[in-house]
Amino acid sequence: MEDSIRMTVSSVCTDMSGRNKYAYVTFSDKDRYAEGVIPDCRITKNRGFSDEELAALKFYMKSNLDQLKKIAAQINVFEALKK
């Protein structure tokens, strides 16, 4: 993988039942895009990443799950919209 991959983390989302919480983690560079979901650590969308690279992204999410959850929990959507 290239060193210039950008990662973004969404705020915490809740399903319609209100019981299951999750967040999206996206990885992108100039030409490629992948979207994953935590805490499942699975890739839901891919454009351009190889199977080997996707495995590395899933491993990254699993290895850093606690930190990614903390990042998602700290995001305040309403504050972000003010900027």
PDB file of N, CA and C in Angstrom:
ATOM      1  N   MET A   1       0.830  -1.182   0.000  1.00  0.00           N
ATOM      2  CA  MET A   1       0.000   0.000   0.000  1.00  0.00           C
ATOM      3  C   MET A   1       0.874   1.245   0.000  1.00  0.00           C
ATOM      4  N   GLU A   2       0.339   2.306  -0.533  1.00  0.00           N
ATOM      5  CA  GLU A   2       1.059   3.567  -0.545  1.00  0.00           C
ATOM      6  C   GLU A   2       1.051   4.193   0.841  1.00  0.00           C
ATOM      7  N   ASP A   3       2.031   5.046   1.090  1.00  0.00           N
ATOM      8  CA  ASP A   3       2.102   5.730   2.371  1.00  0.00           C
ATOM      9  C   ASP A   3       1.081   6.861   2.472  1.00  0.00           C
ATOM     10  N   SER A   4       0.501   7.276   1.355  1.00  0.00           N
ATOM     11  CA  SER A   4      -0.366   8.444   1.364  1.00  0.00           C
ATOM     12  C   SER A   4      -1.852   8.100   1.474  1.00  0.00           C
ATOM     13  N   ILE A   5      -2.173   7.001   2.073  1.00  0.00           N
ATOM     14  CA  ILE A   5      -3.577   6.643   2.261  1.00  0.00           C
ATOM     15  C   ILE A   5      -4.150   7.476   3.403  1.00  0.00           C
ATOM     16  N   ARG A   6      -5.292   8.081   3.148  1.00  0.00           N
ATOM     17  CA  ARG A   6      -5.962   8.911   4.147  1.00  0.00           C
ATOM     18  C   ARG A   6      -7.075   8.088   4.793  1.00  0.00           C
ATOM     19  N   MET A   7      -7.189   8.198   6.098  1.00  0.00           N
ATOM     20  CA  MET A   7      -8.226   7.483   6.830  1.00  0.00           C
ATOM     21  C   MET A   7      -9.141   8.510   7.494  1.00  0.00           C
ATOM     22  N   THR A   8     -10.442   8.267   7.415  1.00  0.00           N
ATOM     23  CA  THR A   8     -11.396   9.099   8.138  1.00  0.00           C
ATOM     24  C   THR A   8     -12.321   8.180   8.930  1.00  0.00           C
ATOM     25  N   VAL A   9     -12.815   8.697  10.033  1.00  0.00           N
ATOM     26  CA  VAL A   9     -13.700   7.933  10.904  1.00  0.00           C
ATOM     27  C   VAL A   9     -14.970   8.747  11.097  1.00  0.00           C
ATOM     28  N   SER A  10     -16.119   8.091  10.964  1.00  0.00           N
ATOM     29  CA  SER A  10     -17.399   8.777  11.167  1.00  0.00           C
ATOM     30  C   SER A  10     -17.723   8.853  12.655  1.00  0.00           C
ATOM     31  N   SER A  11     -18.754   9.602  12.947  1.00  0.00           N
ATOM     32  CA  SER A  11     -19.278   9.586  14.312  1.00  0.00           C
ATOM     33  C   SER A  11     -19.988   8.251  14.540  1.00  0.00           C
ATOM     34  N   VAL A  12     -20.361   7.992  15.758  1.00  0.00           N
ATOM     35  CA  VAL A  12     -21.074   6.757  16.087  1.00  0.00           C
ATOM     36  C   VAL A  12     -22.485   6.832  15.505  1.00  0.00           C
ATOM     37  N   CYS A  13     -22.886   5.765  14.827  1.00  0.00           N
ATOM     38  CA  CYS A  13     -24.232   5.639  14.259  1.00  0.00           C
ATOM     39  C   CYS A  13     -24.964   4.550  15.031  1.00  0.00           C
ATOM     40  N   THR A  14     -26.276   4.580  14.964  1.00  0.00           N
ATOM     41  CA  THR A  14     -27.104   3.577  15.623  1.00  0.00           C
ATOM     42  C   THR A  14     -28.099   3.037  14.621  1.00  0.00           C
ATOM     43  N   ASP A  15     -28.341   1.729  14.661  1.00  0.00           N
ATOM     44  CA  ASP A  15     -29.314   1.141  13.740  1.00  0.00           C
ATOM     45  C   ASP A  15     -30.736   1.518  14.165  1.00  0.00           C
ATOM     46  N   MET A  16     -31.697   1.118  13.350  1.00  0.00           N
ATOM     47  CA  MET A  16     -33.096   1.499  13.582  1.00  0.00           C
ATOM     48  C   MET A  16     -33.631   1.011  14.927  1.00  0.00           C
ATOM     49  N   SER A  17     -33.100  -0.101  15.416  1.00  0.00           N
ATOM     50  CA  SER A  17     -33.582  -0.617  16.705  1.00  0.00           C
ATOM     51  C   SER A  17     -33.012   0.171  17.872  1.00  0.00           C
ATOM     52  N   GLY A  18     -31.932   0.907  17.617  1.00  0.00           N
ATOM     53  CA  GLY A  18     -31.289   1.672  18.675  1.00  0.00           C
ATOM     54  C   GLY A  18     -30.364   0.848  19.550  1.00  0.00           C
ATOM     55  N   ARG A  19     -30.196  -0.407  19.222  1.00  0.00           N
ATOM     56  CA  ARG A  19     -29.377  -1.299  20.054  1.00  0.00           C
ATOM     57  C   ARG A  19     -27.950  -1.454  19.540  1.00  0.00           C
ATOM     58  N   ASN A  20     -27.764  -1.390  18.246  1.00  0.00           N
ATOM     59  CA  ASN A  20     -26.437  -1.657  17.664  1.00  0.00           C
ATOM     60  C   ASN A  20     -25.769  -0.368  17.227  1.00  0.00           C
ATOM     61  N   LYS A  21     -24.570  -0.152  17.751  1.00  0.00           N
ATOM     62  CA  LYS A  21     -23.790   1.027  17.404  1.00  0.00           C
ATOM     63  C   LYS A  21     -22.649   0.618  16.483  1.00  0.00           C
ATOM     64  N   TYR A  22     -22.319   1.517  15.563  1.00  0.00           N
ATOM     65  CA  TYR A  22     -21.242   1.256  14.618  1.00  0.00           C
ATOM     66  C   TYR A  22     -20.695   2.588  14.116  1.00  0.00           C
ATOM     67  N   ALA A  23     -19.576   2.526  13.436  1.00  0.00           N
ATOM     68  CA  ALA A  23     -18.994   3.707  12.801  1.00  0.00           C
ATOM     69  C   ALA A  23     -18.328   3.257  11.512  1.00  0.00           C
ATOM     70  N   TYR A  24     -18.211   4.186  10.594  1.00  0.00           N
ATOM     71  CA  TYR A  24     -17.562   3.911   9.318  1.00  0.00           C
ATOM     72  C   TYR A  24     -16.124   4.398   9.350  1.00  0.00           C
ATOM     73  N   VAL A  25     -15.249   3.620   8.746  1.00  0.00           N
ATOM     74  CA  VAL A  25     -13.850   3.993   8.598  1.00  0.00           C
ATOM     75  C   VAL A  25     -13.559   3.938   7.100  1.00  0.00           C
ATOM     76  N   THR A  26     -13.116   5.051   6.535  1.00  0.00           N
ATOM     77  CA  THR A  26     -12.815   5.072   5.107  1.00  0.00           C
ATOM     78  C   THR A  26     -11.320   5.250   4.895  1.00  0.00           C
ATOM     79  N   PHE A  27     -10.848   4.614   3.858  1.00  0.00           N
ATOM     80  CA  PHE A  27      -9.456   4.689   3.454  1.00  0.00           C
ATOM     81  C   PHE A  27      -9.437   5.130   1.997  1.00  0.00           C
ATOM     82  N   SER A  28      -8.629   6.134   1.684  1.00  0.00           N
ATOM     83  CA  SER A  28      -8.600   6.597   0.300  1.00  0.00           C
ATOM     84  C   SER A  28      -7.245   7.195  -0.040  1.00  0.00           C
ATOM     85  N   ASP A  29      -6.962   7.177  -1.306  1.00  0.00           N
ATOM     86  CA  ASP A  29      -5.842   7.912  -1.852  1.00  0.00           C
ATOM     87  C   ASP A  29      -6.323   8.513  -3.166  1.00  0.00           C
ATOM     88  N   LYS A  30      -5.424   8.895  -4.003  1.00  0.00           N
ATOM     89  CA  LYS A  30      -5.782   9.577  -5.248  1.00  0.00           C
ATOM     90  C   LYS A  30      -6.781   8.790  -6.097  1.00  0.00           C
ATOM     91  N   ASP A  31      -6.613   7.482  -6.199  1.00  0.00           N
ATOM     92  CA  ASP A  31      -7.403   6.672  -7.123  1.00  0.00           C
ATOM     93  C   ASP A  31      -8.266   5.593  -6.471  1.00  0.00           C
ATOM     94  N   ARG A  32      -8.067   5.341  -5.189  1.00  0.00           N
ATOM     95  CA  ARG A  32      -8.736   4.198  -4.563  1.00  0.00           C
ATOM     96  C   ARG A  32      -9.545   4.637  -3.357  1.00  0.00           C
ATOM     97  N   TYR A  33     -10.543   3.803  -3.033  1.00  0.00           N
ATOM     98  CA  TYR A  33     -11.437   4.095  -1.919  1.00  0.00           C
ATOM     99  C   TYR A  33     -11.928   2.776  -1.333  1.00  0.00           C
ATOM    100  N   ALA A  34     -11.923   2.681  -0.020  1.00  0.00           N
ATOM    101  CA  ALA A  34     -12.501   1.527   0.665  1.00  0.00           C
ATOM    102  C   ALA A  34     -13.225   2.041   1.899  1.00  0.00           C
ATOM    103  N   GLU A  35     -14.344   1.394   2.191  1.00  0.00           N
ATOM    104  CA  GLU A  35     -15.118   1.754   3.372  1.00  0.00           C
ATOM    105  C   GLU A  35     -15.272   0.525   4.242  1.00  0.00           C
ATOM    106  N   GLY A  36     -14.982   0.690   5.512  1.00  0.00           N
ATOM    107  CA  GLY A  36     -15.151  -0.389   6.474  1.00  0.00           C
ATOM    108  C   GLY A  36     -16.109   0.034   7.558  1.00  0.00           C
ATOM    109  N   VAL A  37     -16.545  -0.935   8.342  1.00  0.00           N
ATOM    110  CA  VAL A  37     -17.441  -0.647   9.449  1.00  0.00           C
ATOM    111  C   VAL A  37     -16.881  -1.311  10.708  1.00  0.00           C
ATOM    112  N   ILE A  38     -16.907  -0.548  11.797  1.00  0.00           N
ATOM    113  CA  ILE A  38     -16.488  -1.098  13.084  1.00  0.00           C
ATOM    114  C   ILE A  38     -17.706  -1.131  13.988  1.00  0.00           C
ATOM    115  N   PRO A  39     -17.831  -2.041  14.907  1.00  0.00           N
ATOM    116  CA  PRO A  39     -16.807  -2.925  15.440  1.00  0.00           C
ATOM    117  C   PRO A  39     -16.631  -4.235  14.668  1.00  0.00           C
ATOM    118  N   ASP A  40     -17.388  -4.446  13.589  1.00  0.00           N
ATOM    119  CA  ASP A  40     -17.260  -5.698  12.827  1.00  0.00           C
ATOM    120  C   ASP A  40     -15.919  -5.831  12.117  1.00  0.00           C
ATOM    121  N   CYS A  41     -15.289  -4.703  11.830  1.00  0.00           N
ATOM    122  CA  CYS A  41     -14.002  -4.684  11.118  1.00  0.00           C
ATOM    123  C   CYS A  41     -14.107  -5.402   9.772  1.00  0.00           C
ATOM    124  N   ARG A  42     -15.146  -5.050   9.037  1.00  0.00           N
ATOM    125  CA  ARG A  42     -15.300  -5.635   7.709  1.00  0.00           C
ATOM    126  C   ARG A  42     -15.351  -4.516   6.679  1.00  0.00           C
ATOM    127  N   ILE A  43     -14.914  -4.825   5.487  1.00  0.00           N
ATOM    128  CA  ILE A  43     -14.933  -3.878   4.386  1.00  0.00           C
ATOM    129  C   ILE A  43     -16.286  -3.992   3.688  1.00  0.00           C
ATOM    130  N   THR A  44     -16.958  -2.858   3.503  1.00  0.00           N
ATOM    131  CA  THR A  44     -18.280  -2.867   2.878  1.00  0.00           C
ATOM    132  C   THR A  44     -18.260  -2.333   1.454  1.00  0.00           C
ATOM    133  N   LYS A  45     -17.260  -1.533   1.128  1.00  0.00           N
ATOM    134  CA  LYS A  45     -17.122  -0.995  -0.231  1.00  0.00           C
ATOM    135  C   LYS A  45     -15.647  -0.982  -0.604  1.00  0.00           C
ATOM    136  N   ASN A  46     -15.377  -1.198  -1.881  1.00  0.00           N
ATOM    137  CA  ASN A  46     -14.000  -1.165  -2.346  1.00  0.00           C
ATOM    138  C   ASN A  46     -13.973  -0.720  -3.800  1.00  0.00           C
ATOM    139  N   ARG A  47     -13.083   0.201  -4.070  1.00  0.00           N
ATOM    140  CA  ARG A  47     -12.805   0.599  -5.441  1.00  0.00           C
ATOM    141  C   ARG A  47     -11.291   0.742  -5.590  1.00  0.00           C
ATOM    142  N   GLY A  48     -10.660  -0.302  -6.105  1.00  0.00           N
ATOM    143  CA  GLY A  48      -9.257  -0.204  -6.450  1.00  0.00           C
ATOM    144  C   GLY A  48      -8.248  -0.881  -5.539  1.00  0.00           C
ATOM    145  N   PHE A  49      -8.601  -1.255  -4.333  1.00  0.00           N
ATOM    146  CA  PHE A  49      -7.658  -1.929  -3.445  1.00  0.00           C
ATOM    147  C   PHE A  49      -7.636  -3.420  -3.779  1.00  0.00           C
ATOM    148  N   SER A  50      -6.462  -4.014  -3.728  1.00  0.00           N
ATOM    149  CA  SER A  50      -6.317  -5.449  -3.971  1.00  0.00           C
ATOM    150  C   SER A  50      -6.808  -6.236  -2.756  1.00  0.00           C
ATOM    151  N   ASP A  51      -7.008  -7.534  -2.947  1.00  0.00           N
ATOM    152  CA  ASP A  51      -7.427  -8.392  -1.830  1.00  0.00           C
ATOM    153  C   ASP A  51      -6.418  -8.354  -0.694  1.00  0.00           C
ATOM    154  N   GLU A  52      -5.154  -8.328  -1.033  1.00  0.00           N
ATOM    155  CA  GLU A  52      -4.092  -8.269  -0.018  1.00  0.00           C
ATOM    156  C   GLU A  52      -4.169  -6.947   0.755  1.00  0.00           C
ATOM    157  N   GLU A  53      -4.386  -5.855   0.054  1.00  0.00           N
ATOM    158  CA  GLU A  53      -4.497  -4.556   0.714  1.00  0.00           C
ATOM    159  C   GLU A  53      -5.748  -4.489   1.594  1.00  0.00           C
ATOM    160  N   LEU A  54      -6.844  -5.074   1.121  1.00  0.00           N
ATOM    161  CA  LEU A  54      -8.066  -5.099   1.940  1.00  0.00           C
ATOM    162  C   LEU A  54      -7.849  -5.894   3.218  1.00  0.00           C
ATOM    163  N   ALA A  55      -7.123  -6.992   3.113  1.00  0.00           N
ATOM    164  CA  ALA A  55      -6.801  -7.781   4.307  1.00  0.00           C
ATOM    165  C   ALA A  55      -5.983  -6.940   5.286  1.00  0.00           C
ATOM    166  N   ALA A  56      -5.069  -6.131   4.771  1.00  0.00           N
ATOM    167  CA  ALA A  56      -4.260  -5.264   5.634  1.00  0.00           C
ATOM    168  C   ALA A  56      -5.134  -4.188   6.292  1.00  0.00           C
ATOM    169  N   LEU A  57      -6.104  -3.651   5.559  1.00  0.00           N
ATOM    170  CA  LEU A  57      -6.997  -2.644   6.135  1.00  0.00           C
ATOM    171  C   LEU A  57      -7.873  -3.252   7.232  1.00  0.00           C
ATOM    172  N   LYS A  58      -8.379  -4.457   7.009  1.00  0.00           N
ATOM    173  CA  LYS A  58      -9.168  -5.139   8.040  1.00  0.00           C
ATOM    174  C   LYS A  58      -8.312  -5.413   9.273  1.00  0.00           C
ATOM    175  N   PHE A  59      -7.081  -5.858   9.056  1.00  0.00           N
ATOM    176  CA  PHE A  59      -6.164  -6.102  10.169  1.00  0.00           C
ATOM    177  C   PHE A  59      -5.919  -4.807  10.945  1.00  0.00           C
ATOM    178  N   TYR A  60      -5.749  -3.713  10.220  1.00  0.00           N
ATOM    179  CA  TYR A  60      -5.544  -2.418  10.866  1.00  0.00           C
ATOM    180  C   TYR A  60      -6.738  -2.066  11.750  1.00  0.00           C
ATOM    181  N   MET A  61      -7.955  -2.234  11.213  1.00  0.00           N
ATOM    182  CA  MET A  61      -9.144  -1.917  12.008  1.00  0.00           C
ATOM    183  C   MET A  61      -9.222  -2.793  13.246  1.00  0.00           C
ATOM    184  N   LYS A  62      -8.945  -4.084  13.110  1.00  0.00           N
ATOM    185  CA  LYS A  62      -8.993  -4.989  14.263  1.00  0.00           C
ATOM    186  C   LYS A  62      -7.940  -4.626  15.297  1.00  0.00           C
ATOM    187  N   SER A  63      -6.747  -4.312  14.822  1.00  0.00           N
ATOM    188  CA  SER A  63      -5.634  -4.007  15.729  1.00  0.00           C
ATOM    189  C   SER A  63      -5.819  -2.683  16.452  1.00  0.00           C
ATOM    190  N   ASN A  64      -6.563  -1.778  15.858  1.00  0.00           N
ATOM    191  CA  ASN A  64      -6.741  -0.438  16.431  1.00  0.00           C
ATOM    192  C   ASN A  64      -8.197  -0.156  16.797  1.00  0.00           C
ATOM    193  N   LEU A  65      -8.968  -1.200  17.022  1.00  0.00           N
ATOM    194  CA  LEU A  65     -10.401  -1.054  17.255  1.00  0.00           C
ATOM    195  C   LEU A  65     -10.720  -0.144  18.433  1.00  0.00           C
ATOM    196  N   ASP A  66     -10.052  -0.313  19.539  1.00  0.00           N
ATOM    197  CA  ASP A  66     -10.335   0.530  20.712  1.00  0.00           C
ATOM    198  C   ASP A  66     -10.099   2.004  20.401  1.00  0.00           C
ATOM    199  N   GLN A  67      -8.998   2.296  19.736  1.00  0.00           N
ATOM    200  CA  GLN A  67      -8.678   3.681  19.399  1.00  0.00           C
ATOM    201  C   GLN A  67      -9.685   4.243  18.384  1.00  0.00           C
ATOM    202  N   LEU A  68     -10.070   3.450  17.386  1.00  0.00           N
ATOM    203  CA  LEU A  68     -11.039   3.908  16.396  1.00  0.00           C
ATOM    204  C   LEU A  68     -12.402   4.181  17.041  1.00  0.00           C
ATOM    205  N   LYS A  69     -12.791   3.343  17.993  1.00  0.00           N
ATOM    206  CA  LYS A  69     -14.044   3.568  18.712  1.00  0.00           C
ATOM    207  C   LYS A  69     -13.991   4.876  19.496  1.00  0.00           C
ATOM    208  N   LYS A  70     -12.864   5.163  20.133  1.00  0.00           N
ATOM    209  CA  LYS A  70     -12.713   6.403  20.891  1.00  0.00           C
ATOM    210  C   LYS A  70     -12.800   7.613  19.970  1.00  0.00           C
ATOM    211  N   ILE A  71     -12.176   7.521  18.809  1.00  0.00           N
ATOM    212  CA  ILE A  71     -12.231   8.617  17.841  1.00  0.00           C
ATOM    213  C   ILE A  71     -13.672   8.870  17.426  1.00  0.00           C
ATOM    214  N   ALA A  72     -14.391   7.798  17.080  1.00  0.00           N
ATOM    215  CA  ALA A  72     -15.783   7.934  16.647  1.00  0.00           C
ATOM    216  C   ALA A  72     -16.645   8.522  17.754  1.00  0.00           C
ATOM    217  N   ALA A  73     -16.416   8.117  18.980  1.00  0.00           N
ATOM    218  CA  ALA A  73     -17.215   8.599  20.110  1.00  0.00           C
ATOM    219  C   ALA A  73     -16.976  10.085  20.385  1.00  0.00           C
ATOM    220  N   GLN A  74     -15.812  10.596  20.036  1.00  0.00           N
ATOM    221  CA  GLN A  74     -15.489  11.995  20.305  1.00  0.00           C
ATOM    222  C   GLN A  74     -16.004  12.952  19.234  1.00  0.00           C
ATOM    223  N   ILE A  75     -16.462  12.421  18.111  1.00  0.00           N
ATOM    224  CA  ILE A  75     -16.918  13.280  17.020  1.00  0.00           C
ATOM    225  C   ILE A  75     -18.317  13.791  17.337  1.00  0.00           C
ATOM    226  N   ASN A  76     -18.451  15.093  17.294  1.00  0.00           N
ATOM    227  CA  ASN A  76     -19.742  15.742  17.506  1.00  0.00           C
ATOM    228  C   ASN A  76     -20.169  16.320  16.157  1.00  0.00           C
ATOM    229  N   VAL A  77     -21.136  15.702  15.529  1.00  0.00           N
ATOM    230  CA  VAL A  77     -21.574  16.100  14.193  1.00  0.00           C
ATOM    231  C   VAL A  77     -22.030  17.555  14.161  1.00  0.00           C
ATOM    232  N   PHE A  78     -22.759  17.989  15.169  1.00  0.00           N
ATOM    233  CA  PHE A  78     -23.270  19.342  15.190  1.00  0.00           C
ATOM    234  C   PHE A  78     -22.154  20.375  15.305  1.00  0.00           C
ATOM    235  N   GLU A  79     -21.125  20.072  16.063  1.00  0.00           N
ATOM    236  CA  GLU A  79     -19.975  20.974  16.160  1.00  0.00           C
ATOM    237  C   GLU A  79     -19.235  21.032  14.832  1.00  0.00           C
ATOM    238  N   ALA A  80     -19.113  19.906  14.156  1.00  0.00           N
ATOM    239  CA  ALA A  80     -18.428  19.855  12.867  1.00  0.00           C
ATOM    240  C   ALA A  80     -19.178  20.687  11.811  1.00  0.00           C
ATOM    241  N   LEU A  81     -20.483  20.698  11.892  1.00  0.00           N
ATOM    242  CA  LEU A  81     -21.278  21.468  10.927  1.00  0.00           C
ATOM    243  C   LEU A  81     -21.115  22.974  11.116  1.00  0.00           C
ATOM    244  N   LYS A  82     -20.763  23.411  12.311  1.00  0.00           N
ATOM    245  CA  LYS A  82     -20.589  24.836  12.584  1.00  0.00           C
ATOM    246  C   LYS A  82     -19.349  25.394  11.900  1.00  0.00           C
ATOM    247  N   LYS A  83     -18.379  24.541  11.643  1.00  0.00           N
ATOM    248  CA  LYS A  83     -17.095  25.008  11.094  1.00  0.00           C
ATOM    249  C   LYS A  83     -17.194  25.367   9.650  1.00  0.00           C
TER     250      LYS A  83
END
